[in-house]
Amino acid sequence: MDLGVALIWYVALLFSLTLHEASHAWAAMKGGDRTAYHGGQVSLDPMPHIRREPFGTVVVPLLSFAMSGWMIGWASTPYDPRWAYTYPKRAAWMSVAGPAANFLLILLAATAIRIGMMVGVFEPGTYSFQGLVMAPQGGAAATIALFLSVLFTLNLLLFVFNLIPVPPLDGSGALGLFVSEKTARRIQKTLFQPQFSFIGILLAWYAIREIFGPVHSAAVRILYPEYF
């Protein structure tokens, strides 16, 4: 295992998870639920998020990289289910906030890649997680290129996966924005049913294998329009 590459992966993953969960927590706080705020999750400091979910933020990422060469992981944000039931629309905005943070990181990574290409430091790479953008001269630029490749593709994966509309993923909570408050409350009740969450994760795991390839290809074409 290349420890340098592992460190770059972990920094990108931990930063992405932290911003995702901090955005959930911030949206909940703005909507009137201070549960996550009191837990320290309205913060870009990763430690409160690691303390809440050490298995998903430390153990699984390191094990998955050692076994497969890429990292997966998760974190979570506490919120008051009574608040979510009382204010289902606010809870829906809380759900949207996490994927929105991932989308922001996609845009930031893409902007950095395009600037690097404009100044001649980067050039387009492959469709892989680690090789989306290359730095032919090597050195620090190659390290930055690797980080931006991982940051872009990882957040695209997190964005798409979390928007799949099945519990317990954010996409199911976001449905509350498009339905009546009565239906949104039913959705909130469903989110707390363990059996639905288990089935939802299985369905999402199958769906992402079918969905992500075409979405990734489309994203690369948008990133490098002059090469297609």
C-alpha atoms as a PDB file:
ATOM      1  CA  MET A   1       0.000   0.000   0.000  1.00  0.00           C
ATOM      2  CA  ASP A   2       1.371   3.402  -1.032  1.00  0.00           C
ATOM      3  CA  LEU A   3       1.080   5.470   2.155  1.00  0.00           C
ATOM      4  CA  GLY A   4       1.382   8.771   0.289  1.00  0.00           C
ATOM      5  CA  VAL A   5      -1.525   7.918  -2.000  1.00  0.00           C
ATOM      6  CA  ALA A   6      -3.502   6.593   0.973  1.00  0.00           C
ATOM      7  CA  LEU A   7      -2.994   9.890   2.808  1.00  0.00           C
ATOM      8  CA  ILE A   8      -4.223  11.904  -0.178  1.00  0.00           C
ATOM      9  CA  TRP A   9      -7.286   9.671  -0.444  1.00  0.00           C
ATOM     10  CA  TYR A  10      -8.011   9.978   3.258  1.00  0.00           C
ATOM     11  CA  VAL A  11      -7.677  13.756   3.318  1.00  0.00           C
ATOM     12  CA  ALA A  12     -10.053  14.052   0.349  1.00  0.00           C
ATOM     13  CA  LEU A  13     -12.566  11.614   1.859  1.00  0.00           C
ATOM     14  CA  LEU A  14     -12.495  13.056   5.369  1.00  0.00           C
ATOM     15  CA  PHE A  15     -12.832  16.622   4.093  1.00  0.00           C
ATOM     16  CA  SER A  16     -15.742  15.606   1.856  1.00  0.00           C
ATOM     17  CA  LEU A  17     -17.559  13.735   4.623  1.00  0.00           C
ATOM     18  CA  THR A  18     -16.966  16.560   7.094  1.00  0.00           C
ATOM     19  CA  LEU A  19     -18.336  19.247   4.776  1.00  0.00           C
ATOM     20  CA  HIS A  20     -21.302  17.024   3.869  1.00  0.00           C
ATOM     21  CA  GLU A  21     -22.285  16.430   7.490  1.00  0.00           C
ATOM     22  CA  ALA A  22     -21.496  19.973   8.629  1.00  0.00           C
ATOM     23  CA  SER A  23     -23.850  21.218   5.915  1.00  0.00           C
ATOM     24  CA  HIS A  24     -26.621  18.944   7.199  1.00  0.00           C
ATOM     25  CA  ALA A  25     -25.980  20.218  10.718  1.00  0.00           C
ATOM     26  CA  TRP A  26     -25.920  23.872   9.646  1.00  0.00           C
ATOM     27  CA  ALA A  27     -29.183  23.534   7.704  1.00  0.00           C
ATOM     28  CA  ALA A  28     -30.846  21.834  10.675  1.00  0.00           C
ATOM     29  CA  MET A  29     -29.632  24.592  12.990  1.00  0.00           C
ATOM     30  CA  LYS A  30     -30.984  27.271  10.654  1.00  0.00           C
ATOM     31  CA  GLY A  31     -34.268  25.366  10.548  1.00  0.00           C
ATOM     32  CA  GLY A  32     -34.576  25.353  14.328  1.00  0.00           C
ATOM     33  CA  ASP A  33     -33.003  22.031  15.378  1.00  0.00           C
ATOM     34  CA  ARG A  34     -29.824  22.578  17.408  1.00  0.00           C
ATOM     35  CA  THR A  35     -29.171  18.879  18.135  1.00  0.00           C
ATOM     36  CA  ALA A  36     -26.138  18.664  15.847  1.00  0.00           C
ATOM     37  CA  TYR A  37     -24.956  22.107  16.926  1.00  0.00           C
ATOM     38  CA  HIS A  38     -24.756  20.968  20.540  1.00  0.00           C
ATOM     39  CA  GLY A  39     -22.885  17.868  19.353  1.00  0.00           C
ATOM     40  CA  GLY A  40     -20.253  20.010  17.650  1.00  0.00           C
ATOM     41  CA  GLN A  41     -21.185  18.955  14.102  1.00  0.00           C
ATOM     42  CA  VAL A  42     -21.719  22.502  12.790  1.00  0.00           C
ATOM     43  CA  SER A  43     -17.989  22.635  12.149  1.00  0.00           C
ATOM     44  CA  LEU A  44     -15.344  21.848   9.555  1.00  0.00           C
ATOM     45  CA  ASP A  45     -13.265  20.337  12.341  1.00  0.00           C
ATOM     46  CA  PRO A  46     -13.356  16.610  11.497  1.00  0.00           C
ATOM     47  CA  MET A  47     -12.937  15.450  15.098  1.00  0.00           C
ATOM     48  CA  PRO A  48     -16.605  15.786  16.206  1.00  0.00           C
ATOM     49  CA  HIS A  49     -17.611  13.802  13.130  1.00  0.00           C
ATOM     50  CA  ILE A  50     -14.936  11.157  13.757  1.00  0.00           C
ATOM     51  CA  ARG A  51     -15.965  10.805  17.405  1.00  0.00           C
ATOM     52  CA  ARG A  52     -19.573  10.264  16.374  1.00  0.00           C
ATOM     53  CA  GLU A  53     -18.784   7.739  13.616  1.00  0.00           C
ATOM     54  CA  PRO A  54     -15.245   6.317  14.074  1.00  0.00           C
ATOM     55  CA  PHE A  55     -16.013   3.115  12.190  1.00  0.00           C
ATOM     56  CA  GLY A  56     -17.236   4.908   9.062  1.00  0.00           C
ATOM     57  CA  THR A  57     -14.641   7.684   9.126  1.00  0.00           C
ATOM     58  CA  VAL A  58     -11.495   5.760  10.103  1.00  0.00           C
ATOM     59  CA  VAL A  59     -11.768   1.967  10.110  1.00  0.00           C
ATOM     60  CA  VAL A  60     -13.722   1.373   6.903  1.00  0.00           C
ATOM     61  CA  PRO A  61     -11.780   3.904   4.780  1.00  0.00           C
ATOM     62  CA  LEU A  62      -8.422   2.410   5.758  1.00  0.00           C
ATOM     63  CA  LEU A  63      -9.586  -1.183   5.344  1.00  0.00           C
ATOM     64  CA  SER A  64     -11.230  -0.488   1.989  1.00  0.00           C
ATOM     65  CA  PHE A  65      -8.076   1.186   0.671  1.00  0.00           C
ATOM     66  CA  ALA A  66      -5.872  -1.671   1.866  1.00  0.00           C
ATOM     67  CA  MET A  67      -8.169  -4.199   0.184  1.00  0.00           C
ATOM     68  CA  SER A  68      -9.124  -2.410  -3.033  1.00  0.00           C
ATOM     69  CA  GLY A  69      -6.918   0.659  -3.547  1.00  0.00           C
ATOM     70  CA  TRP A  70      -9.762   3.136  -3.074  1.00  0.00           C
ATOM     71  CA  MET A  71     -11.707   4.373  -0.059  1.00  0.00           C
ATOM     72  CA  ILE A  72     -15.303   4.304   1.026  1.00  0.00           C
ATOM     73  CA  GLY A  73     -16.705   5.634   4.274  1.00  0.00           C
ATOM     74  CA  TRP A  74     -19.535   7.486   5.908  1.00  0.00           C
ATOM     75  CA  ALA A  75     -20.462   9.839   8.726  1.00  0.00           C
ATOM     76  CA  SER A  76     -23.762  10.948  10.223  1.00  0.00           C
ATOM     77  CA  THR A  77     -25.452  13.970  11.743  1.00  0.00           C
ATOM     78  CA  PRO A  78     -27.897  13.750  14.666  1.00  0.00           C
ATOM     79  CA  TYR A  79     -31.223  15.532  14.483  1.00  0.00           C
ATOM     80  CA  ASP A  80     -34.452  15.544  16.446  1.00  0.00           C
ATOM     81  CA  PRO A  81     -37.073  13.344  14.720  1.00  0.00           C
ATOM     82  CA  ARG A  82     -39.838  15.327  16.431  1.00  0.00           C
ATOM     83  CA  TRP A  83     -38.524  18.492  14.793  1.00  0.00           C
ATOM     84  CA  ALA A  84     -38.355  16.732  11.410  1.00  0.00           C
ATOM     85  CA  TYR A  85     -41.936  15.505  11.778  1.00  0.00           C
ATOM     86  CA  THR A  86     -43.196  18.932  12.842  1.00  0.00           C
ATOM     87  CA  TYR A  87     -41.301  20.782  10.089  1.00  0.00           C
ATOM     88  CA  PRO A  88     -40.950  18.291   7.213  1.00  0.00           C
ATOM     89  CA  LYS A  89     -40.038  20.956   4.665  1.00  0.00           C
ATOM     90  CA  ARG A  90     -37.192  22.205   6.830  1.00  0.00           C
ATOM     91  CA  ALA A  91     -36.047  18.616   7.290  1.00  0.00           C
ATOM     92  CA  ALA A  92     -36.091  18.202   3.510  1.00  0.00           C
ATOM     93  CA  TRP A  93     -33.782  21.202   3.112  1.00  0.00           C
ATOM     94  CA  MET A  94     -31.514  19.630   5.710  1.00  0.00           C
ATOM     95  CA  SER A  95     -31.378  16.506   3.525  1.00  0.00           C
ATOM     96  CA  VAL A  96     -30.512  18.547   0.433  1.00  0.00           C
ATOM     97  CA  ALA A  97     -27.688  20.408   2.182  1.00  0.00           C
ATOM     98  CA  GLY A  98     -25.324  17.414   2.286  1.00  0.00           C
ATOM     99  CA  PRO A  99     -25.342  16.586  -1.446  1.00  0.00           C
ATOM    100  CA  ALA A 100     -25.215  20.325  -2.179  1.00  0.00           C
ATOM    101  CA  ALA A 101     -21.901  20.438  -0.312  1.00  0.00           C
ATOM    102  CA  ASN A 102     -20.583  17.574  -2.444  1.00  0.00           C
ATOM    103  CA  PHE A 103     -21.683  19.403  -5.585  1.00  0.00           C
ATOM    104  CA  LEU A 104     -19.811  22.499  -4.407  1.00  0.00           C
ATOM    105  CA  LEU A 105     -16.633  20.436  -4.008  1.00  0.00           C
ATOM    106  CA  ILE A 106     -17.104  19.042  -7.529  1.00  0.00           C
ATOM    107  CA  LEU A 107     -17.268  22.600  -8.867  1.00  0.00           C
ATOM    108  CA  LEU A 108     -14.231  23.706  -6.859  1.00  0.00           C
ATOM    109  CA  ALA A 109     -12.171  20.719  -8.035  1.00  0.00           C
ATOM    110  CA  ALA A 110     -13.256  21.284 -11.641  1.00  0.00           C
ATOM    111  CA  THR A 111     -12.354  24.981 -11.428  1.00  0.00           C
ATOM    112  CA  ALA A 112      -8.899  24.175 -10.050  1.00  0.00           C
ATOM    113  CA  ILE A 113      -8.355  21.600 -12.799  1.00  0.00           C
ATOM    114  CA  ARG A 114      -9.333  24.050 -15.540  1.00  0.00           C
ATOM    115  CA  ILE A 115      -7.103  26.785 -14.092  1.00  0.00           C
ATOM    116  CA  GLY A 116      -4.226  24.303 -13.957  1.00  0.00           C
ATOM    117  CA  MET A 117      -4.811  23.465 -17.622  1.00  0.00           C
ATOM    118  CA  MET A 118      -4.926  27.150 -18.573  1.00  0.00           C
ATOM    119  CA  VAL A 119      -1.500  27.789 -17.033  1.00  0.00           C
ATOM    120  CA  GLY A 120      -0.041  24.611 -18.540  1.00  0.00           C
ATOM    121  CA  VAL A 121       0.443  22.631 -15.318  1.00  0.00           C
ATOM    122  CA  PHE A 122      -2.255  19.995 -15.899  1.00  0.00           C
ATOM    123  CA  GLU A 123      -3.526  18.006 -18.822  1.00  0.00           C
ATOM    124  CA  PRO A 124      -6.507  15.631 -19.150  1.00  0.00           C
ATOM    125  CA  GLY A 125      -5.945  12.131 -17.864  1.00  0.00           C
ATOM    126  CA  THR A 126      -8.135   9.045 -17.823  1.00  0.00           C
ATOM    127  CA  TYR A 127     -11.569   8.130 -16.485  1.00  0.00           C
ATOM    128  CA  SER A 128     -10.071   6.597 -13.337  1.00  0.00           C
ATOM    129  CA  PHE A 129     -10.508   7.881  -9.778  1.00  0.00           C
ATOM    130  CA  GLN A 130      -6.829   8.792  -9.452  1.00  0.00           C
ATOM    131  CA  GLY A 131      -5.977   9.778 -13.012  1.00  0.00           C
ATOM    132  CA  LEU A 132      -8.664  12.235 -14.082  1.00  0.00           C
ATOM    133  CA  VAL A 133      -6.048  14.962 -14.441  1.00  0.00           C
ATOM    134  CA  MET A 134      -2.297  14.567 -14.897  1.00  0.00           C
ATOM    135  CA  ALA A 135       0.752  16.755 -14.275  1.00  0.00           C
ATOM    136  CA  PRO A 136       3.438  15.724 -16.805  1.00  0.00           C
ATOM    137  CA  GLN A 137       6.229  17.581 -15.007  1.00  0.00           C
ATOM    138  CA  GLY A 138       5.630  15.612 -11.787  1.00  0.00           C
ATOM    139  CA  GLY A 139       6.614  16.921  -8.379  1.00  0.00           C
ATOM    140  CA  ALA A 140       4.140  18.833  -6.232  1.00  0.00           C
ATOM    141  CA  ALA A 141       1.896  19.398  -9.250  1.00  0.00           C
ATOM    142  CA  ALA A 142       1.437  15.634  -9.596  1.00  0.00           C
ATOM    143  CA  THR A 143       0.387  15.397  -5.943  1.00  0.00           C
ATOM    144  CA  ILE A 144      -2.143  18.193  -6.437  1.00  0.00           C
ATOM    145  CA  ALA A 145      -3.410  16.534  -9.620  1.00  0.00           C
ATOM    146  CA  LEU A 146      -3.959  13.276  -7.737  1.00  0.00           C
ATOM    147  CA  PHE A 147      -5.819  15.094  -4.953  1.00  0.00           C
ATOM    148  CA  LEU A 148      -8.053  16.965  -7.416  1.00  0.00           C
ATOM    149  CA  SER A 149      -8.768  13.762  -9.348  1.00  0.00           C
ATOM    150  CA  VAL A 150      -9.881  11.986  -6.183  1.00  0.00           C
ATOM    151  CA  LEU A 151     -11.784  15.016  -4.864  1.00  0.00           C
ATOM    152  CA  PHE A 152     -13.744  15.447  -8.103  1.00  0.00           C
ATOM    153  CA  THR A 153     -14.648  11.810  -8.662  1.00  0.00           C
ATOM    154  CA  LEU A 154     -15.250  10.943  -5.010  1.00  0.00           C
ATOM    155  CA  ASN A 155     -17.658  13.839  -4.546  1.00  0.00           C
ATOM    156  CA  LEU A 156     -19.434  12.990  -7.775  1.00  0.00           C
ATOM    157  CA  LEU A 157     -19.952   9.490  -6.375  1.00  0.00           C
ATOM    158  CA  LEU A 158     -21.146  10.821  -2.998  1.00  0.00           C
ATOM    159  CA  PHE A 159     -23.456  13.308  -4.723  1.00  0.00           C
ATOM    160  CA  VAL A 160     -25.103  10.732  -6.970  1.00  0.00           C
ATOM    161  CA  PHE A 161     -25.301   7.994  -4.326  1.00  0.00           C
ATOM    162  CA  ASN A 162     -26.843  10.229  -1.675  1.00  0.00           C
ATOM    163  CA  LEU A 163     -29.491  11.546  -4.059  1.00  0.00           C
ATOM    164  CA  ILE A 164     -30.871   8.075  -4.802  1.00  0.00           C
ATOM    165  CA  PRO A 165     -34.412   8.458  -3.389  1.00  0.00           C
ATOM    166  CA  VAL A 166     -34.486   5.503  -0.998  1.00  0.00           C
ATOM    167  CA  PRO A 167     -34.221   5.569   2.813  1.00  0.00           C
ATOM    168  CA  PRO A 168     -31.985   6.302   4.622  1.00  0.00           C
ATOM    169  CA  LEU A 169     -30.252   8.321   1.894  1.00  0.00           C
ATOM    170  CA  ASP A 170     -30.635  12.073   1.502  1.00  0.00           C
ATOM    171  CA  GLY A 171     -32.592  11.688  -1.713  1.00  0.00           C
ATOM    172  CA  SER A 172     -35.538  10.199   0.143  1.00  0.00           C
ATOM    173  CA  GLY A 173     -35.591  13.066   2.632  1.00  0.00           C
ATOM    174  CA  ALA A 174     -35.336  15.593  -0.201  1.00  0.00           C
ATOM    175  CA  LEU A 175     -38.587  14.256  -1.671  1.00  0.00           C
ATOM    176  CA  GLY A 176     -40.339  16.273   1.024  1.00  0.00           C
ATOM    177  CA  LEU A 177     -39.687  19.410  -1.029  1.00  0.00           C
ATOM    178  CA  PHE A 178     -41.904  18.153  -3.855  1.00  0.00           C
ATOM    179  CA  VAL A 179     -44.881  16.741  -1.959  1.00  0.00           C
ATOM    180  CA  SER A 180     -47.431  17.949   0.561  1.00  0.00           C
ATOM    181  CA  GLU A 181     -46.494  18.279   4.231  1.00  0.00           C
ATOM    182  CA  LYS A 182     -48.715  15.296   5.030  1.00  0.00           C
ATOM    183  CA  THR A 183     -46.823  13.097   2.566  1.00  0.00           C
ATOM    184  CA  ALA A 184     -43.520  14.542   3.744  1.00  0.00           C
ATOM    185  CA  ARG A 185     -44.358  13.458   7.297  1.00  0.00           C
ATOM    186  CA  ARG A 186     -45.003   9.944   6.048  1.00  0.00           C
ATOM    187  CA  ILE A 187     -41.588   9.993   4.426  1.00  0.00           C
ATOM    188  CA  GLN A 188     -40.025  11.105   7.713  1.00  0.00           C
ATOM    189  CA  LYS A 189     -41.677   8.201   9.531  1.00  0.00           C
ATOM    190  CA  THR A 190     -40.358   5.790   6.890  1.00  0.00           C
ATOM    191  CA  LEU A 191     -36.804   7.045   7.387  1.00  0.00           C
ATOM    192  CA  PHE A 192     -36.851   5.674  10.935  1.00  0.00           C
ATOM    193  CA  GLN A 193     -37.958   2.162   9.981  1.00  0.00           C
ATOM    194  CA  PRO A 194     -34.851  -0.097  10.080  1.00  0.00           C
ATOM    195  CA  GLN A 195     -36.271  -2.590   7.597  1.00  0.00           C
ATOM    196  CA  PHE A 196     -36.790   0.103   4.972  1.00  0.00           C
ATOM    197  CA  SER A 197     -33.286   1.453   5.556  1.00  0.00           C
ATOM    198  CA  PHE A 198     -31.743  -1.988   5.058  1.00  0.00           C
ATOM    199  CA  ILE A 199     -33.677  -2.588   1.849  1.00  0.00           C
ATOM    200  CA  GLY A 200     -32.905   0.945   0.680  1.00  0.00           C
ATOM    201  CA  ILE A 201     -29.154   0.517   1.099  1.00  0.00           C
ATOM    202  CA  LEU A 202     -29.250  -2.744  -0.867  1.00  0.00           C
ATOM    203  CA  LEU A 203     -31.210  -1.108  -3.678  1.00  0.00           C
ATOM    204  CA  ALA A 204     -28.913   1.923  -3.722  1.00  0.00           C
ATOM    205  CA  TRP A 205     -25.790  -0.249  -3.785  1.00  0.00           C
ATOM    206  CA  TYR A 206     -27.144  -2.046  -6.851  1.00  0.00           C
ATOM    207  CA  ALA A 207     -28.370   1.148  -8.511  1.00  0.00           C
ATOM    208  CA  ILE A 208     -25.121   3.086  -8.143  1.00  0.00           C
ATOM    209  CA  ARG A 209     -23.260   0.443 -10.156  1.00  0.00           C
ATOM    210  CA  GLU A 210     -25.646   1.066 -13.043  1.00  0.00           C
ATOM    211  CA  ILE A 211     -25.930   4.833 -12.661  1.00  0.00           C
ATOM    212  CA  PHE A 212     -22.456   6.067 -11.846  1.00  0.00           C
ATOM    213  CA  GLY A 213     -20.667   5.025 -15.036  1.00  0.00           C
ATOM    214  CA  PRO A 214     -22.856   7.102 -17.389  1.00  0.00           C
ATOM    215  CA  VAL A 215     -22.944  10.037 -14.943  1.00  0.00           C
ATOM    216  CA  HIS A 216     -19.157   9.969 -14.583  1.00  0.00           C
ATOM    217  CA  SER A 217     -18.693   9.885 -18.357  1.00  0.00           C
ATOM    218  CA  ALA A 218     -21.036  12.853 -18.757  1.00  0.00           C
ATOM    219  CA  ALA A 219     -19.198  14.783 -16.031  1.00  0.00           C
ATOM    220  CA  VAL A 220     -15.823  14.190 -17.701  1.00  0.00           C
ATOM    221  CA  ARG A 221     -17.237  15.412 -21.015  1.00  0.00           C
ATOM    222  CA  ILE A 222     -18.451  18.580 -19.310  1.00  0.00           C
ATOM    223  CA  LEU A 223     -15.057  19.028 -17.650  1.00  0.00           C
ATOM    224  CA  TYR A 224     -13.153  18.541 -20.922  1.00  0.00           C
ATOM    225  CA  PRO A 225     -15.586  19.644 -23.678  1.00  0.00           C
ATOM    226  CA  GLU A 226     -12.806  20.436 -26.130  1.00  0.00           C
ATOM    227  CA  TYR A 227     -11.660  16.792 -26.177  1.00  0.00           C
ATOM    228  CA  PHE A 228     -15.017  15.274 -27.156  1.00  0.00           C
END
